[in-house]
Protein backbone atom coordinates (compact mmCIF):
# COMPACT_ATOMS: atom_id res chain seq x y z
CA UNK A 1 -11.50 43.10 -27.57
CA UNK A 2 -14.31 40.59 -27.32
CA UNK A 3 -14.56 38.19 -30.24
CA UNK A 4 -17.78 37.88 -32.23
CA UNK A 5 -18.53 34.50 -30.72
CA UNK A 6 -17.91 35.78 -27.19
CA UNK A 7 -20.07 38.83 -27.87
CA UNK A 8 -22.92 36.56 -28.95
CA UNK A 9 -22.50 34.54 -25.76
CA UNK A 10 -22.68 37.70 -23.67
CA UNK A 11 -25.84 38.87 -25.45
CA UNK A 12 -27.42 35.55 -24.50
CA UNK A 13 -26.09 36.00 -20.96
CA UNK A 14 -27.48 39.55 -20.78
CA UNK A 15 -30.87 38.17 -21.70
CA UNK A 16 -30.67 35.82 -18.73
CA UNK A 17 -30.35 38.57 -16.10
CA UNK A 18 -33.84 37.93 -14.70
CA UNK A 19 -33.00 34.24 -14.39
CA UNK A 20 -29.73 35.04 -12.61
CA UNK A 21 -31.64 37.14 -10.10
CA UNK A 22 -34.13 34.34 -9.43
CA UNK A 23 -31.54 31.56 -9.30
CA UNK A 24 -29.19 33.63 -7.16
CA UNK A 25 -29.99 34.57 -3.61
CA UNK A 26 -33.75 34.73 -3.75
CA UNK A 27 -33.56 38.28 -2.42
CA UNK A 28 -31.41 37.55 0.63
CA UNK A 29 -28.55 39.80 -0.59
CA UNK A 30 -25.78 37.24 -0.18
CA UNK A 31 -22.72 36.66 -2.33
CA UNK A 32 -24.65 34.05 -4.28
CA UNK A 33 -26.79 36.63 -6.05
CA UNK A 34 -24.09 36.95 -8.75
CA UNK A 35 -23.96 40.74 -8.55
CA UNK A 36 -20.69 40.99 -10.45
CA UNK A 37 -21.92 38.85 -13.34
CA UNK A 38 -25.12 40.87 -13.55
CA UNK A 39 -23.02 44.06 -13.63
CA UNK A 40 -20.98 42.57 -16.50
CA UNK A 41 -24.12 41.86 -18.50
CA UNK A 42 -25.52 45.35 -17.97
CA UNK A 43 -22.18 46.98 -18.82
CA UNK A 44 -21.76 44.99 -22.01
CA UNK A 45 -25.32 45.69 -23.10
CA UNK A 46 -24.81 49.45 -22.71
CA UNK A 47 -26.73 50.03 -19.47
CA UNK A 48 -24.11 51.76 -17.29
CA UNK A 49 -26.47 52.94 -14.55
CA UNK A 50 -27.58 49.38 -13.84
CA UNK A 51 -24.01 48.11 -14.20
CA UNK A 52 -22.74 50.50 -11.53
CA UNK A 53 -25.66 49.68 -9.27
CA UNK A 54 -24.71 46.00 -9.43
CA UNK A 55 -20.97 46.71 -9.12
CA UNK A 56 -21.66 48.62 -5.93
CA UNK A 57 -23.73 45.71 -4.69
CA UNK A 58 -20.85 43.34 -5.51
CA UNK A 59 -18.48 45.62 -3.58
CA UNK A 60 -20.79 45.72 -0.57
CA UNK A 61 -20.93 41.92 -0.63
CA UNK A 62 -17.13 41.65 -0.98
CA UNK A 63 -17.62 39.66 -4.16
CA UNK A 64 -14.35 37.94 -5.06
CA UNK A 65 -15.11 38.39 -8.77
CA UNK A 66 -14.20 42.09 -8.39
CA UNK A 67 -10.60 40.89 -8.54
CA UNK A 68 -10.96 40.93 -12.35
CA UNK A 69 -12.42 44.43 -12.72
CA UNK A 70 -9.33 46.02 -14.32
CA UNK A 71 -8.99 43.23 -16.89
CA UNK A 72 -12.61 42.39 -17.65
CA UNK A 73 -13.45 43.00 -21.33
CA UNK A 74 -17.16 42.97 -20.51
CA UNK A 75 -16.70 46.14 -18.43
CA UNK A 76 -14.78 48.10 -21.09
CA UNK A 77 -17.89 50.18 -21.86
CA UNK A 78 -17.60 51.65 -18.36
CA UNK A 79 -13.97 52.77 -18.50
CA UNK A 80 -14.76 56.23 -19.92
CA UNK A 81 -17.44 56.87 -17.32
CA UNK A 82 -16.22 58.97 -14.34
CA UNK A 83 -17.99 56.56 -12.00
CA UNK A 84 -15.55 53.85 -13.08
CA UNK A 85 -12.57 55.85 -11.76
CA UNK A 86 -14.47 56.60 -8.56
CA UNK A 87 -15.23 52.91 -8.15
CA UNK A 88 -11.58 51.93 -8.69
CA UNK A 89 -10.52 54.48 -6.06
CA UNK A 90 -13.11 53.04 -3.69
CA UNK A 91 -11.42 49.66 -4.17
CA UNK A 92 -7.98 51.27 -3.66
CA UNK A 93 -6.96 50.36 -7.21
CA UNK A 94 -5.01 52.60 -9.58
CA UNK A 95 -7.04 54.26 -12.29
């Protein structure tokens, strides 16, 4: 469970998605575009389609942050979505 203070921090973070995109790779598609963090923000803010789009981008980039996917409270909103199980299988992780 995410505490109230942490939830407020994430709402602020979610509002900074455009800034993350600009400060990241500048459109080059490298690891530095913070795809996993952007996916976290979209997932927490209830935008699963965008969250999965960015998780797939993180996977394609071999983003090391994916290590935390099974224990990330910011992604809990995605756990009931069938795409989450598919994504875990793609990563060869148990559901």
